[in-house]
Full PDB file with SEQRES, HELIX, SHEET, SSBOND, CRYST1, ORIGX, SCALE, CONECT and MASTER records, all heavy atoms in Angstrom:
SEQRES   1 A   37  VAL VAL GLY ARG VAL ASP GLU LEU ARG LEU GLU VAL ARG          
SEQRES   2 A   37  ASP MET ARG LYS GLU LEU ARG THR ASN THR ASN GLN LEU          
SEQRES   3 A   37  GLU PHE VAL THR THR GLY LEU ARG SER LEU GLU                  
HELIX    1 AA1 VAL A    2  LEU A   36  1                                  35    
CRYST1    1.000    1.000    1.000  90.00  90.00  90.00 P 1           1          
ORIGX1      1.000000  0.000000  0.000000        0.00000                         
ORIGX2      0.000000  1.000000  0.000000        0.00000                         
ORIGX3      0.000000  0.000000  1.000000        0.00000                         
SCALE1      1.000000  0.000000  0.000000        0.00000                         
SCALE2      0.000000  1.000000  0.000000        0.00000                         
SCALE3      0.000000  0.000000  1.000000        0.00000                         
ATOM      1  N   VAL A   1       0.843  -1.203   0.000  1.00  0.00           N  
ATOM      2  CA  VAL A   1       0.000   0.000   0.000  1.00  0.00           C  
ATOM      3  C   VAL A   1       0.877   1.251   0.000  1.00  0.00           C  
ATOM      4  O   VAL A   1       0.629   2.190  -0.761  1.00  0.00           O  
ATOM      5  CB  VAL A   1      -0.971   0.004   1.208  1.00  0.00           C  
ATOM      6  CG1 VAL A   1      -1.648   1.358   1.365  1.00  0.00           C  
ATOM      7  CG2 VAL A   1      -2.001  -1.100   1.065  1.00  0.00           C  
ATOM      8  N   VAL A   2       1.902   1.261   0.814  1.00  0.00           N  
ATOM      9  CA  VAL A   2       2.813   2.407   0.865  1.00  0.00           C  
ATOM     10  C   VAL A   2       3.479   2.603  -0.497  1.00  0.00           C  
ATOM     11  O   VAL A   2       3.585   3.732  -0.997  1.00  0.00           O  
ATOM     12  CB  VAL A   2       3.869   2.237   1.982  1.00  0.00           C  
ATOM     13  CG1 VAL A   2       4.985   3.260   1.851  1.00  0.00           C  
ATOM     14  CG2 VAL A   2       3.208   2.342   3.349  1.00  0.00           C  
ATOM     15  N   GLY A   3       3.903   1.522  -1.120  1.00  0.00           N  
ATOM     16  CA  GLY A   3       4.523   1.607  -2.452  1.00  0.00           C  
ATOM     17  C   GLY A   3       3.549   2.171  -3.474  1.00  0.00           C  
ATOM     18  O   GLY A   3       3.906   3.026  -4.291  1.00  0.00           O  
ATOM     19  N   ARG A   4       2.303   1.697  -3.422  1.00  0.00           N  
ATOM     20  CA  ARG A   4       1.290   2.188  -4.380  1.00  0.00           C  
ATOM     21  C   ARG A   4       0.977   3.666  -4.128  1.00  0.00           C  
ATOM     22  O   ARG A   4       0.817   4.427  -5.076  1.00  0.00           O  
ATOM     23  CB  ARG A   4       0.019   1.336  -4.260  1.00  0.00           C  
ATOM     24  CG  ARG A   4      -1.028   1.682  -5.253  1.00  0.00           C  
ATOM     25  CD  ARG A   4      -0.559   1.375  -6.683  1.00  0.00           C  
ATOM     26  NE  ARG A   4      -1.563   1.832  -7.614  1.00  0.00           N  
ATOM     27  CZ  ARG A   4      -1.322   2.550  -8.689  1.00  0.00           C  
ATOM     28  NH1 ARG A   4      -0.078   2.850  -9.009  1.00  0.00           N  
ATOM     29  NH2 ARG A   4      -2.285   2.937  -9.468  1.00  0.00           N  
ATOM     30  N   VAL A   5       0.909   4.040  -2.861  1.00  0.00           N  
ATOM     31  CA  VAL A   5       0.670   5.457  -2.528  1.00  0.00           C  
ATOM     32  C   VAL A   5       1.808   6.316  -3.073  1.00  0.00           C  
ATOM     33  O   VAL A   5       1.576   7.395  -3.637  1.00  0.00           O  
ATOM     34  CB  VAL A   5       0.493   5.646  -1.003  1.00  0.00           C  
ATOM     35  CG1 VAL A   5       0.547   7.112  -0.619  1.00  0.00           C  
ATOM     36  CG2 VAL A   5      -0.820   5.023  -0.535  1.00  0.00           C  
ATOM     37  N   ASP A   6       3.026   5.850  -2.938  1.00  0.00           N  
ATOM     38  CA  ASP A   6       4.165   6.592  -3.486  1.00  0.00           C  
ATOM     39  C   ASP A   6       4.063   6.725  -5.004  1.00  0.00           C  
ATOM     40  O   ASP A   6       4.338   7.786  -5.566  1.00  0.00           O  
ATOM     41  CB  ASP A   6       5.492   5.908  -3.113  1.00  0.00           C  
ATOM     42  CG  ASP A   6       5.853   6.092  -1.645  1.00  0.00           C  
ATOM     43  OD1 ASP A   6       5.274   7.008  -1.008  1.00  0.00           O  
ATOM     44  OD2 ASP A   6       6.694   5.326  -1.143  1.00  0.00           O  
ATOM     45  N   GLU A   7       3.658   5.631  -5.664  1.00  0.00           N  
ATOM     46  CA  GLU A   7       3.476   5.681  -7.122  1.00  0.00           C  
ATOM     47  C   GLU A   7       2.404   6.701  -7.493  1.00  0.00           C  
ATOM     48  O   GLU A   7       2.571   7.492  -8.430  1.00  0.00           O  
ATOM     49  CB  GLU A   7       3.069   4.306  -7.663  1.00  0.00           C  
ATOM     50  CG  GLU A   7       4.167   3.270  -7.643  1.00  0.00           C  
ATOM     51  CD  GLU A   7       3.653   1.887  -8.043  1.00  0.00           C  
ATOM     52  OE1 GLU A   7       2.521   1.789  -8.572  1.00  0.00           O  
ATOM     53  OE2 GLU A   7       4.373   0.903  -7.816  1.00  0.00           O  
ATOM     54  N   LEU A   8       1.297   6.656  -6.761  1.00  0.00           N  
ATOM     55  CA  LEU A   8       0.206   7.595  -7.039  1.00  0.00           C  
ATOM     56  C   LEU A   8       0.647   9.038  -6.803  1.00  0.00           C  
ATOM     57  O   LEU A   8       0.278   9.942  -7.552  1.00  0.00           O  
ATOM     58  CB  LEU A   8      -1.023   7.263  -6.178  1.00  0.00           C  
ATOM     59  CG  LEU A   8      -1.749   5.973  -6.551  1.00  0.00           C  
ATOM     60  CD1 LEU A   8      -2.826   5.662  -5.519  1.00  0.00           C  
ATOM     61  CD2 LEU A   8      -2.358   6.069  -7.936  1.00  0.00           C  
ATOM     62  N   ARG A   9       1.442   9.238  -5.779  1.00  0.00           N  
ATOM     63  CA  ARG A   9       1.968  10.577  -5.500  1.00  0.00           C  
ATOM     64  C   ARG A   9       2.803  11.086  -6.677  1.00  0.00           C  
ATOM     65  O   ARG A   9       2.680  12.236  -7.092  1.00  0.00           O  
ATOM     66  CB  ARG A   9       2.831  10.521  -4.248  1.00  0.00           C  
ATOM     67  CG  ARG A   9       2.556  11.627  -3.299  1.00  0.00           C  
ATOM     68  CD  ARG A   9       3.469  11.563  -2.092  1.00  0.00           C  
ATOM     69  NE  ARG A   9       2.650  11.234  -0.943  1.00  0.00           N  
ATOM     70  CZ  ARG A   9       3.076  10.673   0.158  1.00  0.00           C  
ATOM     71  NH1 ARG A   9       4.331  10.345   0.279  1.00  0.00           N  
ATOM     72  NH2 ARG A   9       2.263  10.435   1.149  1.00  0.00           N  
ATOM     73  N   LEU A  10       3.637  10.207  -7.224  1.00  0.00           N  
ATOM     74  CA  LEU A  10       4.457  10.582  -8.377  1.00  0.00           C  
ATOM     75  C   LEU A  10       3.585  10.881  -9.600  1.00  0.00           C  
ATOM     76  O   LEU A  10       3.834  11.833 -10.339  1.00  0.00           O  
ATOM     77  CB  LEU A  10       5.468   9.476  -8.695  1.00  0.00           C  
ATOM     78  CG  LEU A  10       6.590   9.277  -7.679  1.00  0.00           C  
ATOM     79  CD1 LEU A  10       7.409   8.046  -8.045  1.00  0.00           C  
ATOM     80  CD2 LEU A  10       7.469  10.504  -7.578  1.00  0.00           C  
ATOM     81  N   GLU A  11       2.551  10.059  -9.799  1.00  0.00           N  
ATOM     82  CA  GLU A  11       1.651  10.284 -10.919  1.00  0.00           C  
ATOM     83  C   GLU A  11       0.935  11.629 -10.786  1.00  0.00           C  
ATOM     84  O   GLU A  11       0.805  12.372 -11.760  1.00  0.00           O  
ATOM     85  CB  GLU A  11       0.622   9.150 -11.025  1.00  0.00           C  
ATOM     86  CG  GLU A  11       1.200   7.849 -11.532  1.00  0.00           C  
ATOM     87  CD  GLU A  11       0.166   6.732 -11.577  1.00  0.00           C  
ATOM     88  OE1 GLU A  11      -1.040   7.027 -11.669  1.00  0.00           O  
ATOM     89  OE2 GLU A  11       0.571   5.558 -11.519  1.00  0.00           O  
ATOM     90  N   VAL A  12       0.495  11.935  -9.578  1.00  0.00           N  
ATOM     91  CA  VAL A  12      -0.183  13.218  -9.336  1.00  0.00           C  
ATOM     92  C   VAL A  12       0.795  14.370  -9.591  1.00  0.00           C  
ATOM     93  O   VAL A  12       0.425  15.381 -10.206  1.00  0.00           O  
ATOM     94  CB  VAL A  12      -0.767  13.283  -7.906  1.00  0.00           C  
ATOM     95  CG1 VAL A  12      -1.201  14.694  -7.549  1.00  0.00           C  
ATOM     96  CG2 VAL A  12      -1.928  12.309  -7.764  1.00  0.00           C  
ATOM     97  N   ARG A  13       2.031  14.221  -9.159  1.00  0.00           N  
ATOM     98  CA  ARG A  13       3.038  15.251  -9.400  1.00  0.00           C  
ATOM     99  C   ARG A  13       3.240  15.478 -10.900  1.00  0.00           C  
ATOM    100  O   ARG A  13       3.282  16.606 -11.382  1.00  0.00           O  
ATOM    101  CB  ARG A  13       4.361  14.872  -8.743  1.00  0.00           C  
ATOM    102  CG  ARG A  13       5.392  15.996  -8.807  1.00  0.00           C  
ATOM    103  CD  ARG A  13       6.758  15.551  -8.403  1.00  0.00           C  
ATOM    104  NE  ARG A  13       7.244  14.645  -9.448  1.00  0.00           N  
ATOM    105  CZ  ARG A  13       8.249  13.795  -9.293  1.00  0.00           C  
ATOM    106  NH1 ARG A  13       8.877  13.708  -8.158  1.00  0.00           N  
ATOM    107  NH2 ARG A  13       8.637  13.033 -10.295  1.00  0.00           N  
ATOM    108  N   ASP A  14       3.323  14.365 -11.644  1.00  0.00           N  
ATOM    109  CA  ASP A  14       3.484  14.470 -13.095  1.00  0.00           C  
ATOM    110  C   ASP A  14       2.272  15.141 -13.740  1.00  0.00           C  
ATOM    111  O   ASP A  14       2.407  15.949 -14.652  1.00  0.00           O  
ATOM    112  CB  ASP A  14       3.717  13.088 -13.712  1.00  0.00           C  
ATOM    113  CG  ASP A  14       5.069  12.496 -13.322  1.00  0.00           C  
ATOM    114  OD1 ASP A  14       5.938  13.255 -12.849  1.00  0.00           O  
ATOM    115  OD2 ASP A  14       5.233  11.267 -13.496  1.00  0.00           O  
ATOM    116  N   MET A  15       1.085  14.783 -13.253  1.00  0.00           N  
ATOM    117  CA  MET A  15      -0.128  15.405 -13.800  1.00  0.00           C  
ATOM    118  C   MET A  15      -0.153  16.903 -13.522  1.00  0.00           C  
ATOM    119  O   MET A  15      -0.596  17.687 -14.360  1.00  0.00           O  
ATOM    120  CB  MET A  15      -1.374  14.734 -13.210  1.00  0.00           C  
ATOM    121  CG  MET A  15      -1.673  13.384 -13.805  1.00  0.00           C  
ATOM    122  SD  MET A  15      -3.274  12.816 -13.211  1.00  0.00           S  
ATOM    123  CE  MET A  15      -2.850  11.221 -12.595  1.00  0.00           C  
ATOM    124  N   ARG A  16       0.308  17.288 -12.353  1.00  0.00           N  
ATOM    125  CA  ARG A  16       0.375  18.722 -12.034  1.00  0.00           C  
ATOM    126  C   ARG A  16       1.310  19.445 -12.995  1.00  0.00           C  
ATOM    127  O   ARG A  16       1.005  20.537 -13.467  1.00  0.00           O  
ATOM    128  CB  ARG A  16       0.861  18.930 -10.598  1.00  0.00           C  
ATOM    129  CG  ARG A  16      -0.175  18.695  -9.561  1.00  0.00           C  
ATOM    130  CD  ARG A  16       0.379  18.999  -8.187  1.00  0.00           C  
ATOM    131  NE  ARG A  16      -0.578  18.658  -7.156  1.00  0.00           N  
ATOM    132  CZ  ARG A  16      -0.253  18.404  -5.903  1.00  0.00           C  
ATOM    133  NH1 ARG A  16       1.006  18.432  -5.525  1.00  0.00           N  
ATOM    134  NH2 ARG A  16      -1.184  18.110  -5.026  1.00  0.00           N  
ATOM    135  N   LYS A  17       2.444  18.825 -13.280  1.00  0.00           N  
ATOM    136  CA  LYS A  17       3.386  19.432 -14.230  1.00  0.00           C  
ATOM    137  C   LYS A  17       2.738  19.592 -15.606  1.00  0.00           C  
ATOM    138  O   LYS A  17       2.858  20.628 -16.246  1.00  0.00           O  
ATOM    139  CB  LYS A  17       4.657  18.579 -14.357  1.00  0.00           C  
ATOM    140  CG  LYS A  17       5.586  18.678 -13.187  1.00  0.00           C  
ATOM    141  CD  LYS A  17       6.806  17.780 -13.405  1.00  0.00           C  
ATOM    142  CE  LYS A  17       7.733  17.773 -12.229  1.00  0.00           C  
ATOM    143  NZ  LYS A  17       8.865  16.856 -12.421  1.00  0.00           N  
ATOM    144  N   GLU A  18       2.054  18.526 -16.045  1.00  0.00           N  
ATOM    145  CA  GLU A  18       1.378  18.583 -17.341  1.00  0.00           C  
ATOM    146  C   GLU A  18       0.294  19.656 -17.341  1.00  0.00           C  
ATOM    147  O   GLU A  18       0.139  20.399 -18.320  1.00  0.00           O  
ATOM    148  CB  GLU A  18       0.757  17.225 -17.680  1.00  0.00           C  
ATOM    149  CG  GLU A  18       1.761  16.169 -18.050  1.00  0.00           C  
ATOM    150  CD  GLU A  18       1.111  14.817 -18.329  1.00  0.00           C  
ATOM    151  OE1 GLU A  18      -0.070  14.797 -18.738  1.00  0.00           O  
ATOM    152  OE2 GLU A  18       1.776  13.796 -18.113  1.00  0.00           O  
ATOM    153  N   LEU A  19      -0.435  19.751 -16.247  1.00  0.00           N  
ATOM    154  CA  LEU A  19      -1.490  20.753 -16.141  1.00  0.00           C  
ATOM    155  C   LEU A  19      -0.897  22.164 -16.201  1.00  0.00           C  
ATOM    156  O   LEU A  19      -1.432  23.040 -16.880  1.00  0.00           O  
ATOM    157  CB  LEU A  19      -2.282  20.560 -14.844  1.00  0.00           C  
ATOM    158  CG  LEU A  19      -3.444  21.508 -14.619  1.00  0.00           C  
ATOM    159  CD1 LEU A  19      -4.477  21.369 -15.736  1.00  0.00           C  
ATOM    160  CD2 LEU A  19      -4.091  21.240 -13.270  1.00  0.00           C  
ATOM    161  N   ARG A  20       0.213  22.376 -15.519  1.00  0.00           N  
ATOM    162  CA  ARG A  20       0.877  23.685 -15.573  1.00  0.00           C  
ATOM    163  C   ARG A  20       1.319  24.009 -16.998  1.00  0.00           C  
ATOM    164  O   ARG A  20       1.147  25.120 -17.476  1.00  0.00           O  
ATOM    165  CB  ARG A  20       2.077  23.721 -14.631  1.00  0.00           C  
ATOM    166  CG  ARG A  20       1.710  24.133 -13.237  1.00  0.00           C  
ATOM    167  CD  ARG A  20       2.956  24.384 -12.375  1.00  0.00           C  
ATOM    168  NE  ARG A  20       2.776  23.619 -11.159  1.00  0.00           N  
ATOM    169  CZ  ARG A  20       3.519  22.613 -10.743  1.00  0.00           C  
ATOM    170  NH1 ARG A  20       4.572  22.248 -11.419  1.00  0.00           N  
ATOM    171  NH2 ARG A  20       3.246  21.966  -9.637  1.00  0.00           N  
ATOM    172  N   THR A  21       1.891  23.002 -17.662  1.00  0.00           N  
ATOM    173  CA  THR A  21       2.331  23.190 -19.043  1.00  0.00           C  
ATOM    174  C   THR A  21       1.137  23.526 -19.935  1.00  0.00           C  
ATOM    175  O   THR A  21       1.189  24.473 -20.728  1.00  0.00           O  
ATOM    176  CB  THR A  21       3.034  21.925 -19.569  1.00  0.00           C  
ATOM    177  OG1 THR A  21       4.170  21.655 -18.753  1.00  0.00           O  
ATOM    178  CG2 THR A  21       3.460  22.091 -21.013  1.00  0.00           C  
ATOM    179  N   ASN A  22       0.055  22.772 -19.794  1.00  0.00           N  
ATOM    180  CA  ASN A  22      -1.142  23.020 -20.595  1.00  0.00           C  
ATOM    181  C   ASN A  22      -1.745  24.391 -20.287  1.00  0.00           C  
ATOM    182  O   ASN A  22      -2.211  25.085 -21.190  1.00  0.00           O  
ATOM    183  CB  ASN A  22      -2.187  21.921 -20.368  1.00  0.00           C  
ATOM    184  CG  ASN A  22      -1.748  20.591 -20.949  1.00  0.00           C  
ATOM    185  OD1 ASN A  22      -0.884  20.530 -21.820  1.00  0.00           O  
ATOM    186  ND2 ASN A  22      -2.334  19.519 -20.469  1.00  0.00           N  
ATOM    187  N   THR A  23      -1.716  24.765 -19.017  1.00  0.00           N  
ATOM    188  CA  THR A  23      -2.238  26.076 -18.626  1.00  0.00           C  
ATOM    189  C   THR A  23      -1.409  27.182 -19.264  1.00  0.00           C  
ATOM    190  O   THR A  23      -1.957  28.159 -19.785  1.00  0.00           O  
ATOM    191  CB  THR A  23      -2.236  26.219 -17.089  1.00  0.00           C  
ATOM    192  OG1 THR A  23      -3.046  25.182 -16.529  1.00  0.00           O  
ATOM    193  CG2 THR A  23      -2.768  27.565 -16.662  1.00  0.00           C  
ATOM    194  N   ASN A  24      -0.095  27.026 -19.256  1.00  0.00           N  
ATOM    195  CA  ASN A  24       0.775  28.029 -19.880  1.00  0.00           C  
ATOM    196  C   ASN A  24       0.518  28.123 -21.380  1.00  0.00           C  
ATOM    197  O   ASN A  24       0.468  29.212 -21.949  1.00  0.00           O  
ATOM    198  CB  ASN A  24       2.251  27.709 -19.618  1.00  0.00           C  
ATOM    199  CG  ASN A  24       2.640  27.917 -18.175  1.00  0.00           C  
ATOM    200  OD1 ASN A  24       1.980  28.647 -17.444  1.00  0.00           O  
ATOM    201  ND2 ASN A  24       3.699  27.268 -17.749  1.00  0.00           N  
ATOM    202  N   GLN A  25       0.351  26.968 -22.011  1.00  0.00           N  
ATOM    203  CA  GLN A  25       0.072  26.960 -23.449  1.00  0.00           C  
ATOM    204  C   GLN A  25      -1.280  27.609 -23.735  1.00  0.00           C  
ATOM    205  O   GLN A  25      -1.418  28.376 -24.693  1.00  0.00           O  
ATOM    206  CB  GLN A  25       0.087  25.526 -23.992  1.00  0.00           C  
ATOM    207  CG  GLN A  25       1.463  24.919 -24.033  1.00  0.00           C  
ATOM    208  CD  GLN A  25       1.438  23.446 -24.417  1.00  0.00           C  
ATOM    209  OE1 GLN A  25       0.394  22.816 -24.447  1.00  0.00           O  
ATOM    210  NE2 GLN A  25       2.612  22.897 -24.696  1.00  0.00           N  
ATOM    211  N   LEU A  26      -2.256  27.332 -22.896  1.00  0.00           N  
ATOM    212  CA  LEU A  26      -3.576  27.920 -23.065  1.00  0.00           C  
ATOM    213  C   LEU A  26      -3.511  29.439 -22.904  1.00  0.00           C  
ATOM    214  O   LEU A  26      -4.129  30.181 -23.673  1.00  0.00           O  
ATOM    215  CB  LEU A  26      -4.565  27.320 -22.065  1.00  0.00           C  
ATOM    216  CG  LEU A  26      -5.997  27.827 -22.130  1.00  0.00           C  
ATOM    217  CD1 LEU A  26      -6.603  27.528 -23.492  1.00  0.00           C  
ATOM    218  CD2 LEU A  26      -6.831  27.204 -21.032  1.00  0.00           C  
ATOM    219  N   GLU A  27      -2.760  29.904 -21.924  1.00  0.00           N  
ATOM    220  CA  GLU A  27      -2.603  31.348 -21.726  1.00  0.00           C  
ATOM    221  C   GLU A  27      -1.928  31.984 -22.937  1.00  0.00           C  
ATOM    222  O   GLU A  27      -2.303  33.078 -23.367  1.00  0.00           O  
ATOM    223  CB  GLU A  27      -1.804  31.629 -20.449  1.00  0.00           C  
ATOM    224  CG  GLU A  27      -2.588  31.343 -19.182  1.00  0.00           C  
ATOM    225  CD  GLU A  27      -1.745  31.444 -17.926  1.00  0.00           C  
ATOM    226  OE1 GLU A  27      -0.528  31.724 -18.019  1.00  0.00           O  
ATOM    227  OE2 GLU A  27      -2.314  31.226 -16.837  1.00  0.00           O  
ATOM    228  N   PHE A  28      -0.937  31.304 -23.513  1.00  0.00           N  
ATOM    229  CA  PHE A  28      -0.247  31.814 -24.692  1.00  0.00           C  
ATOM    230  C   PHE A  28      -1.215  31.926 -25.866  1.00  0.00           C  
ATOM    231  O   PHE A  28      -1.257  32.942 -26.564  1.00  0.00           O  
ATOM    232  CB  PHE A  28       0.930  30.896 -25.044  1.00  0.00           C  
ATOM    233  CG  PHE A  28       1.665  31.291 -26.278  1.00  0.00           C  
ATOM    234  CD1 PHE A  28       2.535  32.373 -26.271  1.00  0.00           C  
ATOM    235  CD2 PHE A  28       1.486  30.589 -27.467  1.00  0.00           C  
ATOM    236  CE1 PHE A  28       3.216  32.738 -27.420  1.00  0.00           C  
ATOM    237  CE2 PHE A  28       2.157  30.950 -28.609  1.00  0.00           C  
ATOM    238  CZ  PHE A  28       3.029  32.030 -28.593  1.00  0.00           C  
ATOM    239  N   VAL A  29      -2.009  30.883 -26.071  1.00  0.00           N  
ATOM    240  CA  VAL A  29      -2.979  30.885 -27.170  1.00  0.00           C  
ATOM    241  C   VAL A  29      -4.035  31.964 -26.936  1.00  0.00           C  
ATOM    242  O   VAL A  29      -4.419  32.685 -27.863  1.00  0.00           O  
ATOM    243  CB  VAL A  29      -3.630  29.486 -27.328  1.00  0.00           C  
ATOM    244  CG1 VAL A  29      -4.823  29.539 -28.257  1.00  0.00           C  
ATOM    245  CG2 VAL A  29      -2.603  28.489 -27.836  1.00  0.00           C  
ATOM    246  N   THR A  30      -4.490  32.092 -25.703  1.00  0.00           N  
ATOM    247  CA  THR A  30      -5.492  33.107 -25.369  1.00  0.00           C  
ATOM    248  C   THR A  30      -4.952  34.509 -25.648  1.00  0.00           C  
ATOM    249  O   THR A  30      -5.655  35.348 -26.219  1.00  0.00           O  
ATOM    250  CB  THR A  30      -5.906  32.982 -23.887  1.00  0.00           C  
ATOM    251  OG1 THR A  30      -6.434  31.675 -23.661  1.00  0.00           O  
ATOM    252  CG2 THR A  30      -6.955  34.012 -23.516  1.00  0.00           C  
ATOM    253  N   THR A  31      -3.710  34.747 -25.294  1.00  0.00           N  
ATOM    254  CA  THR A  31      -3.089  36.042 -25.562  1.00  0.00           C  
ATOM    255  C   THR A  31      -3.024  36.296 -27.065  1.00  0.00           C  
ATOM    256  O   THR A  31      -3.327  37.391 -27.541  1.00  0.00           O  
ATOM    257  CB  THR A  31      -1.672  36.097 -24.946  1.00  0.00           C  
ATOM    258  OG1 THR A  31      -1.781  35.876 -23.535  1.00  0.00           O  
ATOM    259  CG2 THR A  31      -0.997  37.420 -25.210  1.00  0.00           C  
ATOM    260  N   GLY A  32      -2.647  35.274 -27.811  1.00  0.00           N  
ATOM    261  CA  GLY A  32      -2.592  35.403 -29.269  1.00  0.00           C  
ATOM    262  C   GLY A  32      -3.956  35.697 -29.856  1.00  0.00           C  
ATOM    263  O   GLY A  32      -4.092  36.516 -30.773  1.00  0.00           O  
ATOM    264  N   LEU A  33      -4.987  35.035 -29.339  1.00  0.00           N  
ATOM    265  CA  LEU A  33      -6.346  35.265 -29.842  1.00  0.00           C  
ATOM    266  C   LEU A  33      -6.818  36.682 -29.521  1.00  0.00           C  
ATOM    267  O   LEU A  33      -7.484  37.317 -30.336  1.00  0.00           O  
ATOM    268  CB  LEU A  33      -7.314  34.240 -29.247  1.00  0.00           C  
ATOM    269  CG  LEU A  33      -7.188  32.831 -29.807  1.00  0.00           C  
ATOM    270  CD1 LEU A  33      -8.100  31.872 -29.050  1.00  0.00           C  
ATOM    271  CD2 LEU A  33      -7.513  32.801 -31.288  1.00  0.00           C  
ATOM    272  N   ARG A  34      -6.474  37.169 -28.336  1.00  0.00           N  
ATOM    273  CA  ARG A  34      -6.850  38.550 -27.986  1.00  0.00           C  
ATOM    274  C   ARG A  34      -6.172  39.536 -28.929  1.00  0.00           C  
ATOM    275  O   ARG A  34      -6.782  40.512 -29.363  1.00  0.00           O  
ATOM    276  CB  ARG A  34      -6.471  38.844 -26.541  1.00  0.00           C  
ATOM    277  CG  ARG A  34      -7.413  38.220 -25.547  1.00  0.00           C  
ATOM    278  CD  ARG A  34      -7.143  38.676 -24.129  1.00  0.00           C  
ATOM    279  NE  ARG A  34      -7.965  37.940 -23.208  1.00  0.00           N  
ATOM    280  CZ  ARG A  34      -7.523  37.307 -22.139  1.00  0.00           C  
ATOM    281  NH1 ARG A  34      -6.238  37.340 -21.841  1.00  0.00           N  
ATOM    282  NH2 ARG A  34      -8.349  36.648 -21.357  1.00  0.00           N  
ATOM    283  N   SER A  35      -4.912  39.287 -29.222  1.00  0.00           N  
ATOM    284  CA  SER A  35      -4.179  40.153 -30.150  1.00  0.00           C  
ATOM    285  C   SER A  35      -4.827  40.112 -31.529  1.00  0.00           C  
ATOM    286  O   SER A  35      -5.011  41.146 -32.177  1.00  0.00           O  
ATOM    287  CB  SER A  35      -2.721  39.710 -30.229  1.00  0.00           C  
ATOM    288  OG  SER A  35      -2.034  40.421 -31.221  1.00  0.00           O  
ATOM    289  N   LEU A  36      -5.159  38.917 -31.971  1.00  0.00           N  
ATOM    290  CA  LEU A  36      -5.805  38.755 -33.270  1.00  0.00           C  
ATOM    291  C   LEU A  36      -7.163  39.463 -33.290  1.00  0.00           C  
ATOM    292  O   LEU A  36      -7.510  40.126 -34.273  1.00  0.00           O  
ATOM    293  CB  LEU A  36      -5.978  37.269 -33.577  1.00  0.00           C  
ATOM    294  CG  LEU A  36      -6.568  36.902 -34.926  1.00  0.00           C  
ATOM    295  CD1 LEU A  36      -5.693  37.435 -36.061  1.00  0.00           C  
ATOM    296  CD2 LEU A  36      -6.715  35.399 -35.034  1.00  0.00           C  
ATOM    297  N   GLU A  37      -7.898  39.344 -32.210  1.00  0.00           N  
ATOM    298  CA  GLU A  37      -9.205  40.004 -32.121  1.00  0.00           C  
ATOM    299  C   GLU A  37      -9.053  41.521 -32.232  1.00  0.00           C  
ATOM    300  O   GLU A  37      -9.824  42.175 -32.930  1.00  0.00           O  
ATOM    301  CB  GLU A  37      -9.878  39.634 -30.794  1.00  0.00           C  
ATOM    302  CG  GLU A  37     -11.267  40.203 -30.634  1.00  0.00           C  
ATOM    303  CD  GLU A  37     -11.899  39.793 -29.309  1.00  0.00           C  
ATOM    304  OE1 GLU A  37     -11.167  39.411 -28.376  1.00  0.00           O  
ATOM    305  OE2 GLU A  37     -13.127  39.867 -29.223  1.00  0.00           O  
TER     306      GLU A  37                                                      
MASTER        0    0    0    1    0    0    0    6  305    1    0    3          
END                                                                             
């Protein structure tokens, strides 16, 4: 159980990184769309 919890913790950490990356990309696209508008 402890091993699985550690694995899940790592997966959640990776998902957070991906979410931050996606959020940054979304903000970049949103800025571009505002400029285009």
